[in-house]
N, C-alpha and C. Protein backbone atom coordinates (compact mmCIF):
# COMPACT_ATOMS: atom_id res chain seq x y z
N MET A 1 33.82 -10.07 26.08
CA MET A 1 34.93 -9.23 26.70
C MET A 1 34.35 -9.23 28.17
N TYR A 2 35.41 -9.22 29.03
CA TYR A 2 35.17 -9.18 30.46
C TYR A 2 35.64 -7.86 30.98
N VAL A 3 34.74 -7.32 31.88
CA VAL A 3 35.17 -5.88 32.45
C VAL A 3 35.24 -6.21 33.90
N ASN A 4 36.32 -5.86 34.48
CA ASN A 4 36.57 -6.05 35.93
C ASN A 4 36.86 -4.66 36.49
N GLY A 5 35.96 -3.89 36.75
CA GLY A 5 36.24 -2.59 37.33
C GLY A 5 36.48 -1.60 36.16
N SER A 6 36.71 -0.40 36.52
CA SER A 6 36.94 0.63 35.40
C SER A 6 38.38 0.67 35.01
N ALA A 7 39.31 -0.02 35.65
CA ALA A 7 40.74 0.04 35.23
C ALA A 7 41.15 -1.15 34.53
N SER A 8 40.32 -2.15 34.50
CA SER A 8 40.77 -3.49 33.87
C SER A 8 39.85 -4.01 32.85
N VAL A 9 40.26 -3.82 31.54
CA VAL A 9 39.48 -4.21 30.42
C VAL A 9 40.35 -5.16 29.63
N HIS A 10 39.78 -6.29 29.33
CA HIS A 10 40.55 -7.24 28.38
C HIS A 10 40.23 -7.01 26.99
N GLY A 11 41.05 -7.55 26.09
CA GLY A 11 40.69 -7.37 24.67
C GLY A 11 39.74 -8.21 24.10
N PRO A 12 39.45 -8.12 22.77
CA PRO A 12 38.38 -8.93 22.22
C PRO A 12 38.53 -10.42 22.40
N GLN A 13 37.37 -11.12 22.56
CA GLN A 13 37.39 -12.57 22.67
C GLN A 13 36.51 -13.10 21.65
N SER A 14 36.69 -14.46 21.46
CA SER A 14 35.92 -15.13 20.50
C SER A 14 34.37 -15.09 20.86
N ILE A 15 33.52 -15.12 19.82
CA ILE A 15 32.11 -15.09 20.01
C ILE A 15 31.52 -16.49 20.46
N ASN A 16 32.36 -17.52 20.16
CA ASN A 16 31.93 -18.88 20.56
C ASN A 16 32.18 -19.02 22.10
N ALA A 17 31.24 -19.68 22.77
CA ALA A 17 31.29 -19.89 24.20
C ALA A 17 32.52 -20.84 24.42
N PRO A 18 33.18 -20.75 25.59
CA PRO A 18 34.32 -21.52 25.83
C PRO A 18 33.95 -23.06 25.87
N HIS A 19 32.73 -23.39 26.22
CA HIS A 19 32.31 -24.78 26.43
C HIS A 19 31.87 -25.41 24.97
N ARG A 20 31.87 -24.64 24.00
CA ARG A 20 31.53 -25.19 22.77
C ARG A 20 32.70 -25.60 21.93
N SER A 21 32.54 -26.75 21.50
CA SER A 21 33.82 -27.43 20.71
C SER A 21 33.38 -27.36 19.26
N HIS A 22 34.37 -27.28 18.42
CA HIS A 22 34.26 -27.20 17.05
C HIS A 22 34.39 -28.58 16.29
N GLN A 23 34.63 -29.55 17.18
CA GLN A 23 34.67 -30.98 16.64
C GLN A 23 33.29 -31.49 16.47
N GLY A 24 33.12 -32.04 15.40
CA GLY A 24 31.84 -32.78 15.03
C GLY A 24 30.70 -31.84 14.68
N VAL A 25 31.04 -30.61 14.43
CA VAL A 25 29.92 -29.65 14.07
C VAL A 25 29.71 -29.72 12.61
N GLU A 26 28.48 -29.86 12.25
CA GLU A 26 28.14 -29.96 10.85
C GLU A 26 28.30 -28.60 10.28
N ALA A 27 28.57 -28.65 8.94
CA ALA A 27 28.58 -27.44 8.17
C ALA A 27 27.20 -26.92 7.93
N PRO A 28 26.93 -25.65 7.85
CA PRO A 28 25.62 -25.09 7.69
C PRO A 28 24.99 -25.65 6.39
N LYS A 29 23.73 -25.92 6.31
CA LYS A 29 23.10 -26.43 5.14
C LYS A 29 23.07 -25.35 4.16
N GLN A 30 23.10 -25.76 2.90
CA GLN A 30 23.00 -24.74 1.79
C GLN A 30 21.60 -24.16 1.76
N ILE A 31 21.45 -22.78 1.69
CA ILE A 31 20.18 -22.21 1.48
C ILE A 31 19.76 -22.19 0.08
N GLU A 32 18.52 -22.53 -0.24
CA GLU A 32 18.07 -22.56 -1.52
C GLU A 32 17.96 -21.03 -2.07
N LYS A 33 18.34 -20.83 -3.19
CA LYS A 33 18.28 -19.54 -3.81
C LYS A 33 16.86 -19.21 -4.26
N PRO A 34 16.36 -17.98 -4.03
CA PRO A 34 14.96 -17.74 -4.51
C PRO A 34 14.99 -17.73 -6.01
N SER A 35 13.82 -17.84 -6.59
CA SER A 35 13.76 -17.79 -8.04
C SER A 35 14.21 -16.50 -8.52
N ALA A 36 14.61 -16.52 -9.87
CA ALA A 36 15.07 -15.30 -10.47
C ALA A 36 14.01 -14.24 -10.80
N THR A 37 12.85 -14.64 -10.70
CA THR A 37 11.70 -13.48 -10.95
C THR A 37 10.99 -13.19 -9.76
N ASP A 38 10.64 -11.99 -9.64
CA ASP A 38 9.87 -11.49 -8.45
C ASP A 38 8.36 -11.41 -9.00
N GLN A 39 7.52 -11.44 -8.09
CA GLN A 39 6.10 -11.38 -8.49
C GLN A 39 5.32 -10.46 -7.52
N LEU A 40 4.48 -9.63 -8.09
CA LEU A 40 3.67 -8.63 -7.22
C LEU A 40 2.30 -8.77 -7.60
N ASP A 41 1.43 -9.18 -6.73
CA ASP A 41 0.03 -9.28 -6.95
C ASP A 41 -0.67 -8.05 -6.27
N ILE A 42 -1.45 -7.36 -7.20
CA ILE A 42 -2.21 -6.23 -6.68
C ILE A 42 -3.71 -6.52 -6.74
N SER A 43 -4.39 -6.25 -5.64
CA SER A 43 -5.86 -6.48 -5.59
C SER A 43 -6.67 -5.60 -6.60
N PRO A 44 -7.74 -5.94 -6.92
CA PRO A 44 -8.63 -5.15 -7.82
C PRO A 44 -8.92 -3.88 -7.08
N GLU A 45 -9.12 -3.83 -5.83
CA GLU A 45 -9.50 -2.71 -5.10
C GLU A 45 -8.27 -1.72 -5.13
N ALA A 46 -7.05 -2.16 -4.98
CA ALA A 46 -5.93 -1.34 -5.05
C ALA A 46 -5.62 -0.72 -6.38
N GLN A 47 -5.99 -1.55 -7.46
CA GLN A 47 -5.87 -1.05 -8.85
C GLN A 47 -6.87 0.10 -9.08
N LEU A 48 -8.08 -0.08 -8.64
CA LEU A 48 -9.08 0.93 -8.74
C LEU A 48 -8.77 2.22 -8.05
N LEU A 49 -8.14 2.04 -6.81
CA LEU A 49 -7.79 3.22 -5.95
C LEU A 49 -6.61 3.88 -6.82
N SER A 50 -5.68 3.19 -7.36
CA SER A 50 -4.60 3.78 -8.06
C SER A 50 -5.09 4.54 -9.23
N GLN A 51 -6.10 4.00 -9.93
CA GLN A 51 -6.63 4.67 -11.07
C GLN A 51 -7.40 5.96 -10.64
N ALA A 52 -8.13 5.91 -9.58
CA ALA A 52 -8.86 7.08 -9.06
C ALA A 52 -7.90 8.14 -8.57
N ARG A 53 -6.75 7.89 -8.09
CA ARG A 53 -5.80 8.91 -7.73
C ARG A 53 -5.23 9.65 -8.92
N GLU A 54 -5.29 9.05 -10.08
CA GLU A 54 -4.70 9.63 -11.27
C GLU A 54 -5.65 10.52 -11.96
N LEU A 55 -6.93 10.46 -11.56
CA LEU A 55 -7.99 11.37 -12.10
C LEU A 55 -7.81 12.80 -11.56
N PRO A 56 -8.09 13.73 -12.35
CA PRO A 56 -8.04 15.12 -11.85
C PRO A 56 -9.11 15.40 -10.73
N ASP A 57 -8.74 16.14 -9.79
CA ASP A 57 -9.64 16.40 -8.67
C ASP A 57 -10.97 17.09 -9.12
N ILE A 58 -10.86 18.02 -9.93
CA ILE A 58 -12.04 18.70 -10.48
C ILE A 58 -12.07 18.78 -11.95
N ARG A 59 -13.11 18.43 -12.54
CA ARG A 59 -13.38 18.56 -13.93
C ARG A 59 -13.85 19.98 -14.28
N ALA A 60 -12.90 20.83 -14.49
CA ALA A 60 -13.36 22.21 -14.75
C ALA A 60 -14.30 22.49 -15.86
N ASP A 61 -14.25 21.65 -16.91
CA ASP A 61 -15.16 21.78 -17.98
C ASP A 61 -16.58 21.48 -17.55
N LYS A 62 -16.73 20.43 -16.82
CA LYS A 62 -18.05 20.00 -16.32
C LYS A 62 -18.62 21.07 -15.40
N VAL A 63 -17.77 21.57 -14.54
CA VAL A 63 -18.19 22.58 -13.49
C VAL A 63 -18.66 23.91 -14.31
N ALA A 64 -17.94 24.34 -15.32
CA ALA A 64 -18.32 25.46 -16.07
C ALA A 64 -19.67 25.26 -16.88
N ASP A 65 -19.83 24.09 -17.36
CA ASP A 65 -21.10 23.79 -17.99
C ASP A 65 -22.34 23.78 -17.09
N ILE A 66 -22.11 23.16 -15.86
CA ILE A 66 -23.18 23.18 -14.88
C ILE A 66 -23.63 24.58 -14.35
N ARG A 67 -22.51 25.26 -14.04
CA ARG A 67 -22.70 26.77 -13.58
C ARG A 67 -23.51 27.50 -14.67
N LYS A 68 -23.14 27.36 -15.90
CA LYS A 68 -23.80 28.10 -16.94
C LYS A 68 -25.27 27.67 -17.09
N ALA A 69 -25.59 26.36 -17.06
CA ALA A 69 -26.85 25.81 -16.98
C ALA A 69 -27.74 26.36 -15.81
N ILE A 70 -27.06 26.45 -14.65
CA ILE A 70 -27.79 26.94 -13.50
C ILE A 70 -28.11 28.33 -13.71
N SER A 71 -27.21 29.12 -14.09
CA SER A 71 -27.37 30.58 -14.20
C SER A 71 -28.44 30.90 -15.36
N GLU A 72 -28.53 30.07 -16.31
CA GLU A 72 -29.60 30.27 -17.38
C GLU A 72 -30.89 29.48 -17.03
N GLY A 73 -30.94 28.87 -15.83
CA GLY A 73 -32.26 28.27 -15.38
C GLY A 73 -32.52 26.96 -16.15
N THR A 74 -31.66 26.33 -16.89
CA THR A 74 -31.85 25.16 -17.63
C THR A 74 -31.35 23.86 -16.99
N TYR A 75 -30.73 23.89 -15.88
CA TYR A 75 -30.05 22.70 -15.21
C TYR A 75 -31.15 21.71 -14.75
N ASP A 76 -32.05 22.19 -13.99
CA ASP A 76 -33.13 21.30 -13.42
C ASP A 76 -34.19 21.20 -14.47
N THR A 77 -34.28 20.03 -15.03
CA THR A 77 -35.46 19.85 -16.11
C THR A 77 -36.27 18.59 -15.58
N ASP A 78 -37.48 18.61 -16.13
CA ASP A 78 -38.35 17.46 -15.69
C ASP A 78 -37.73 16.11 -16.12
N GLU A 79 -37.04 16.11 -17.20
CA GLU A 79 -36.42 14.79 -17.55
C GLU A 79 -35.38 14.41 -16.66
N LYS A 80 -34.51 15.30 -16.19
CA LYS A 80 -33.56 14.90 -15.18
C LYS A 80 -34.15 14.50 -13.90
N MET A 81 -35.15 15.05 -13.47
CA MET A 81 -35.88 14.79 -12.20
C MET A 81 -36.49 13.40 -12.39
N GLU A 82 -37.01 12.99 -13.51
CA GLU A 82 -37.53 11.67 -13.83
C GLU A 82 -36.46 10.69 -13.71
N ILE A 83 -35.39 10.90 -14.33
CA ILE A 83 -34.23 9.90 -14.33
C ILE A 83 -33.76 9.72 -12.84
N ALA A 84 -33.63 10.79 -12.05
CA ALA A 84 -33.22 10.70 -10.72
C ALA A 84 -34.18 9.96 -9.86
N LEU A 85 -35.35 10.12 -10.01
CA LEU A 85 -36.41 9.34 -9.27
C LEU A 85 -36.42 7.91 -9.65
N ASN A 86 -36.26 7.57 -10.97
CA ASN A 86 -36.21 6.14 -11.36
C ASN A 86 -34.97 5.54 -10.82
N ARG A 87 -33.87 6.23 -10.61
CA ARG A 87 -32.66 5.50 -10.05
C ARG A 87 -32.96 5.34 -8.62
N LEU A 88 -33.61 6.31 -7.98
CA LEU A 88 -33.80 6.21 -6.56
C LEU A 88 -34.72 5.05 -6.23
N PHE A 89 -35.82 4.92 -7.05
CA PHE A 89 -36.67 3.83 -6.87
C PHE A 89 -36.08 2.38 -7.05
N ASP A 90 -35.09 2.42 -8.05
CA ASP A 90 -34.34 1.22 -8.39
C ASP A 90 -33.48 0.77 -7.16
N GLU A 91 -32.81 1.75 -6.53
CA GLU A 91 -31.99 1.50 -5.38
C GLU A 91 -32.81 0.96 -4.19
N ILE A 92 -33.90 1.52 -3.88
CA ILE A 92 -34.59 1.18 -2.73
C ILE A 92 -35.55 -0.01 -2.91
N GLY A 93 -35.78 -0.42 -4.11
CA GLY A 93 -36.42 -1.66 -4.30
C GLY A 93 -37.76 -1.59 -5.04
């Protein structure tokens, strides 16, 4: 569309440039259709994250058991300390 000042507006015009000729123009090539099935690959990390998000934030039953053991003075035992120290030593070498 050409605009010549604010009082002169022409109607719609072709989107083809005037210098373009339609003779000898090839028809557009056929586009290959995508396969009928879609595929989604999810990394193991993303799967693990998805599973973690489905877990409850707080395990109320475990919290209640630990609170009870702490209040009774039976939470920290020599056996638990031994296990914790062995795991620490395994980690650091």
